[in-house]
Amino acid sequence: MPTVIFVRPDGDRRPVEVGEGVSVMEAAVDNGIDEILAECGGNATCATCHVFVCANDLDRMPAVSELENEMLDGTAEPRRATSRLACQLVADPALDGLTVYLPETQC
C-alpha cells in the first residue's frame, strides 16, 4: 500500500497509508488531515484540496489536466510550480513515499 507523507504548515509530518486507486484528497479526509477541506468531494471544482508536491516527486506525477490547471489559478494560497489538487492524485505504487506540503489556508 503506498504511503503519502503530509507535511503541515508547522512542519509536523504525518505518513498515511493510501489504498491503490484512492485519491490523496480522500486519504487526507479519511485520516483527519484538516488542512484539506475538499468541499466539492473530489470533482476538481473547488481547489480546496490544494497541496504543494515535493519538488523531488514532480517527475512521478501524472500530467496536470486542463481543468486542474484552471482550478490551480484560483487557489487561496498562491500557486507554485509544485501546486497540485490532491483530488487529482491517485495512489499507485509509483507514488509510494510521495510528500505533499499543506498550505496555510484553503479559503
Protein backbone atom coordinates (compact mmCIF):
# COMPACT_ATOMS: atom_id res chain seq x y z
CA MET A 1 0.00 0.00 0.00
CA PRO A 2 1.54 3.38 -0.99
CA THR A 3 2.37 5.87 1.74
CA VAL A 4 1.84 9.61 1.35
CA ILE A 5 3.55 11.97 3.77
CA PHE A 6 1.52 15.08 4.61
CA VAL A 7 3.56 17.99 5.95
CA ARG A 8 1.57 20.54 7.89
CA PRO A 9 2.46 24.26 7.80
CA ASP A 10 4.11 23.90 11.24
CA GLY A 11 6.41 21.16 9.88
CA ASP A 12 4.58 18.24 11.50
CA ARG A 13 4.88 15.21 9.19
CA ARG A 14 2.06 12.68 9.02
CA PRO A 15 2.58 9.49 6.97
CA VAL A 16 -0.67 7.91 5.76
CA GLU A 17 -1.11 4.58 4.01
CA VAL A 18 -3.30 5.05 0.95
CA GLY A 19 -5.07 2.23 -0.83
CA GLU A 20 -4.33 1.93 -4.53
CA GLY A 21 -6.89 3.85 -6.54
CA VAL A 22 -7.71 6.20 -3.66
CA SER A 23 -7.00 9.90 -4.17
CA VAL A 24 -4.60 11.77 -1.94
CA MET A 25 -7.55 14.04 -1.07
CA GLU A 26 -9.71 11.11 0.09
CA ALA A 27 -6.84 9.74 2.16
CA ALA A 28 -6.38 13.13 3.83
CA VAL A 29 -10.07 13.49 4.68
CA ASP A 30 -10.32 9.89 5.94
CA ASN A 31 -7.28 10.38 8.17
CA GLY A 32 -8.16 13.69 9.78
CA ILE A 33 -5.87 15.95 7.78
CA ASP A 34 -7.93 19.07 8.50
CA GLU A 35 -5.95 21.29 6.14
CA ILE A 36 -7.69 19.56 3.20
CA LEU A 37 -11.27 20.85 3.01
CA ALA A 38 -12.37 19.01 -0.15
CA GLU A 39 -15.59 21.00 -0.42
CA CYS A 40 -16.50 19.56 -3.85
CA GLY A 41 -15.80 15.97 -2.84
CA GLY A 42 -13.06 15.41 -5.38
CA ASN A 43 -14.57 16.80 -8.57
CA ALA A 44 -11.81 19.37 -9.22
CA THR A 45 -14.27 22.24 -8.95
CA CYS A 46 -13.31 23.99 -5.71
CA ALA A 47 -9.49 23.88 -5.29
CA THR A 48 -9.82 23.33 -1.51
CA CYS A 49 -7.51 20.33 -1.68
CA HIS A 50 -4.55 22.36 -2.95
CA VAL A 51 -1.18 20.90 -1.99
CA PHE A 52 2.45 21.54 -2.86
CA VAL A 53 4.21 18.41 -4.07
CA CYS A 54 7.82 17.94 -3.02
CA ALA A 55 9.96 19.09 -5.95
CA ASN A 56 11.80 15.75 -5.90
CA ASP A 57 8.49 13.98 -6.60
CA LEU A 58 7.37 16.09 -9.57
CA ASP A 59 8.72 13.70 -12.18
CA ARG A 60 6.47 10.90 -10.88
CA MET A 61 3.28 12.94 -11.02
CA PRO A 62 0.63 12.44 -13.68
CA ALA A 63 0.21 15.32 -16.09
CA VAL A 64 -1.92 18.26 -14.97
CA SER A 65 -5.25 18.24 -16.81
CA GLU A 66 -6.67 21.39 -18.34
CA LEU A 67 -9.37 21.54 -15.64
CA GLU A 68 -6.86 21.11 -12.81
CA ASN A 69 -4.64 23.76 -14.38
CA GLU A 70 -7.54 26.23 -14.45
CA MET A 71 -8.54 25.46 -10.85
CA LEU A 72 -4.98 25.93 -9.61
CA ASP A 73 -5.14 29.53 -10.79
CA GLY A 74 -7.87 30.17 -8.19
CA THR A 75 -6.37 28.70 -5.03
CA ALA A 76 -6.47 30.61 -1.75
CA GLU A 77 -2.71 30.42 -1.36
CA PRO A 78 -0.73 31.47 -4.44
CA ARG A 79 0.02 28.77 -6.98
CA ARG A 80 3.59 27.47 -7.21
CA ALA A 81 5.36 25.29 -9.76
CA THR A 82 4.73 22.37 -7.39
CA SER A 83 0.99 23.03 -6.87
CA ARG A 84 -1.47 20.20 -7.45
CA LEU A 85 -5.02 19.33 -6.44
CA ALA A 86 -4.93 16.32 -4.12
CA CYS A 87 -8.18 15.03 -5.65
CA GLN A 88 -6.34 14.54 -8.94
CA LEU A 89 -3.51 12.48 -7.46
CA VAL A 90 -4.50 8.83 -7.27
CA ALA A 91 -2.34 6.47 -5.25
CA ASP A 92 -0.47 3.73 -7.02
CA PRO A 93 2.89 2.06 -6.33
CA ALA A 94 4.73 4.76 -8.31
CA LEU A 95 3.60 7.37 -5.76
CA ASP A 96 4.82 5.47 -2.69
CA GLY A 97 6.61 7.93 -0.41
CA LEU A 98 5.07 11.00 -2.04
CA THR A 99 5.50 14.08 0.14
CA VAL A 100 2.91 16.85 -0.04
CA TYR A 101 3.06 20.14 1.82
CA LEU A 102 -0.21 21.60 3.05
CA PRO A 103 -0.88 25.31 2.57
CA GLU A 104 -1.68 27.66 5.44
CA THR A 105 -5.22 28.12 4.14
CA GLN A 106 -7.62 26.67 1.58
CA CYS A 107 -10.14 29.51 1.58
